[in-house]
Amino acid sequence: MKCRKCGEKAVINMRQHKLALCKTHFLDWIPEQTQRFIEKYRMFGPQERVLVAVSGGKDSLSSGIFFGGLVTRPMACTSDWASMVA
């Protein structure tokens, strides 16, 4: 299976999207789709503050880093609220 965008070997095949992508294009595709979804449903605007609560596990920390790149003024906190970052 090959990446639809560049023809390299695909690392993921998303049947529901009829889309196979290599690692590089998959990592580009995720933020594009998330940004599109946020804008489509008007979840928040570019100047609004967004709080992403994380537990400290790899999934939640990845989400925090990811959402931190989508908003202008990100804020994150852990479940104990002791290490708040603004």
C-alpha atoms as a PDB file:
ATOM      1  CA  MET A   1       0.000   0.000   0.000  1.00  0.00           C
ATOM      2  CA  LYS A   2       1.303   3.451  -0.924  1.00  0.00           C
ATOM      3  CA  CYS A   3       0.776   6.942   0.450  1.00  0.00           C
ATOM      4  CA  ARG A   4      -1.835   8.775  -1.587  1.00  0.00           C
ATOM      5  CA  LYS A   5       0.148  12.025  -1.436  1.00  0.00           C
ATOM      6  CA  CYS A   6       3.727  10.968  -2.203  1.00  0.00           C
ATOM      7  CA  GLY A   7       3.701   7.310  -3.234  1.00  0.00           C
ATOM      8  CA  GLU A   8       6.000   6.163  -0.411  1.00  0.00           C
ATOM      9  CA  LYS A   9       5.100   3.128   1.693  1.00  0.00           C
ATOM     10  CA  ALA A  10       1.979   3.860   3.754  1.00  0.00           C
ATOM     11  CA  VAL A  11       2.100   3.273   7.509  1.00  0.00           C
ATOM     12  CA  ILE A  12      -1.645   3.656   7.996  1.00  0.00           C
ATOM     13  CA  ASN A  13      -4.715   2.866   5.945  1.00  0.00           C
ATOM     14  CA  MET A  14      -7.848   4.671   7.084  1.00  0.00           C
ATOM     15  CA  ARG A  15     -10.624   2.804   5.314  1.00  0.00           C
ATOM     16  CA  GLN A  16     -13.347   5.133   6.561  1.00  0.00           C
ATOM     17  CA  HIS A  17     -11.537   8.007   4.793  1.00  0.00           C
ATOM     18  CA  LYS A  18     -10.377   5.851   1.874  1.00  0.00           C
ATOM     19  CA  LEU A  19      -6.914   7.197   2.597  1.00  0.00           C
ATOM     20  CA  ALA A  20      -3.490   5.604   3.034  1.00  0.00           C
ATOM     21  CA  LEU A  21      -0.631   7.823   4.239  1.00  0.00           C
ATOM     22  CA  CYS A  22       3.076   7.620   5.035  1.00  0.00           C
ATOM     23  CA  LYS A  23       4.266   8.741   8.484  1.00  0.00           C
ATOM     24  CA  THR A  24       5.078  12.293   7.377  1.00  0.00           C
ATOM     25  CA  HIS A  25       1.763  12.905   5.659  1.00  0.00           C
ATOM     26  CA  PHE A  26      -0.217  11.239   8.465  1.00  0.00           C
ATOM     27  CA  LEU A  27       1.406  13.564  11.024  1.00  0.00           C
ATOM     28  CA  ASP A  28       0.490  16.516   8.769  1.00  0.00           C
ATOM     29  CA  TRP A  29      -3.057  15.233   8.242  1.00  0.00           C
ATOM     30  CA  ILE A  30      -4.011  14.987  11.936  1.00  0.00           C
ATOM     31  CA  PRO A  31      -3.641  18.718  12.777  1.00  0.00           C
ATOM     32  CA  GLU A  32      -5.277  19.701   9.470  1.00  0.00           C
ATOM     33  CA  GLN A  33      -8.336  17.564  10.211  1.00  0.00           C
ATOM     34  CA  THR A  34      -8.529  18.710  13.823  1.00  0.00           C
ATOM     35  CA  GLN A  35      -8.279  22.374  12.822  1.00  0.00           C
ATOM     36  CA  ARG A  36     -10.989  21.858  10.212  1.00  0.00           C
ATOM     37  CA  PHE A  37     -13.268  20.189  12.779  1.00  0.00           C
ATOM     38  CA  ILE A  38     -12.711  22.973  15.347  1.00  0.00           C
ATOM     39  CA  GLU A  39     -13.528  25.641  12.761  1.00  0.00           C
ATOM     40  CA  LYS A  40     -16.529  23.751  11.344  1.00  0.00           C
ATOM     41  CA  TYR A  41     -18.168  23.377  14.745  1.00  0.00           C
ATOM     42  CA  ARG A  42     -16.904  26.742  16.074  1.00  0.00           C
ATOM     43  CA  MET A  43     -15.519  25.077  19.188  1.00  0.00           C
ATOM     44  CA  PHE A  44     -13.292  28.050  20.071  1.00  0.00           C
ATOM     45  CA  GLY A  45     -11.695  31.018  18.358  1.00  0.00           C
ATOM     46  CA  PRO A  46      -8.001  31.714  17.800  1.00  0.00           C
ATOM     47  CA  GLN A  47      -7.804  34.301  20.616  1.00  0.00           C
ATOM     48  CA  GLU A  48      -9.692  32.267  23.217  1.00  0.00           C
ATOM     49  CA  ARG A  49      -7.903  30.500  26.041  1.00  0.00           C
ATOM     50  CA  VAL A  50      -8.160  26.733  26.031  1.00  0.00           C
ATOM     51  CA  LEU A  51      -7.513  24.618  29.101  1.00  0.00           C
ATOM     52  CA  VAL A  52      -6.271  21.106  28.375  1.00  0.00           C
ATOM     53  CA  ALA A  53      -6.297  18.941  31.505  1.00  0.00           C
ATOM     54  CA  VAL A  54      -3.703  16.167  31.380  1.00  0.00           C
ATOM     55  CA  SER A  55      -3.101  13.206  33.655  1.00  0.00           C
ATOM     56  CA  GLY A  56       0.604  12.912  32.915  1.00  0.00           C
ATOM     57  CA  GLY A  57       0.250   9.803  30.749  1.00  0.00           C
ATOM     58  CA  LYS A  58       1.604   9.693  27.210  1.00  0.00           C
ATOM     59  CA  ASP A  59      -1.812  10.087  25.557  1.00  0.00           C
ATOM     60  CA  SER A  60      -2.857  13.133  27.526  1.00  0.00           C
ATOM     61  CA  LEU A  61       0.564  14.779  27.269  1.00  0.00           C
ATOM     62  CA  SER A  62       0.495  14.241  23.500  1.00  0.00           C
ATOM     63  CA  SER A  63      -2.948  15.846  23.407  1.00  0.00           C
ATOM     64  CA  GLY A  64      -1.658  18.802  25.416  1.00  0.00           C
ATOM     65  CA  ILE A  65       1.274  19.324  23.066  1.00  0.00           C
ATOM     66  CA  PHE A  66      -0.986  18.907  20.038  1.00  0.00           C
ATOM     67  CA  PHE A  67      -3.628  21.385  21.208  1.00  0.00           C
ATOM     68  CA  GLY A  68      -0.900  23.755  22.360  1.00  0.00           C
ATOM     69  CA  GLY A  69       0.114  24.080  18.728  1.00  0.00           C
ATOM     70  CA  LEU A  70      -3.433  24.895  17.596  1.00  0.00           C
ATOM     71  CA  VAL A  71      -4.205  27.807  19.896  1.00  0.00           C
ATOM     72  CA  THR A  72      -2.541  31.161  20.426  1.00  0.00           C
ATOM     73  CA  ARG A  73      -2.588  31.099  24.235  1.00  0.00           C
ATOM     74  CA  PRO A  74      -2.583  27.494  25.459  1.00  0.00           C
ATOM     75  CA  MET A  75      -2.908  26.542  29.109  1.00  0.00           C
ATOM     76  CA  ALA A  76      -2.359  23.081  30.599  1.00  0.00           C
ATOM     77  CA  CYS A  77      -2.607  21.594  34.060  1.00  0.00           C
ATOM     78  CA  THR A  78      -2.116  18.202  35.651  1.00  0.00           C
ATOM     79  CA  SER A  79      -4.770  16.382  37.643  1.00  0.00           C
ATOM     80  CA  ASP A  80      -3.298  17.635  40.935  1.00  0.00           C
ATOM     81  CA  TRP A  81      -3.490  21.281  39.756  1.00  0.00           C
ATOM     82  CA  ALA A  82      -0.137  21.922  41.435  1.00  0.00           C
ATOM     83  CA  SER A  83       1.866  22.418  38.257  1.00  0.00           C
ATOM     84  CA  MET A  84      -0.225  24.871  36.257  1.00  0.00           C
ATOM     85  CA  VAL A  85       1.436  26.259  33.131  1.00  0.00           C
ATOM     86  CA  ALA A  86       0.145  29.403  31.434  1.00  0.00           C
END
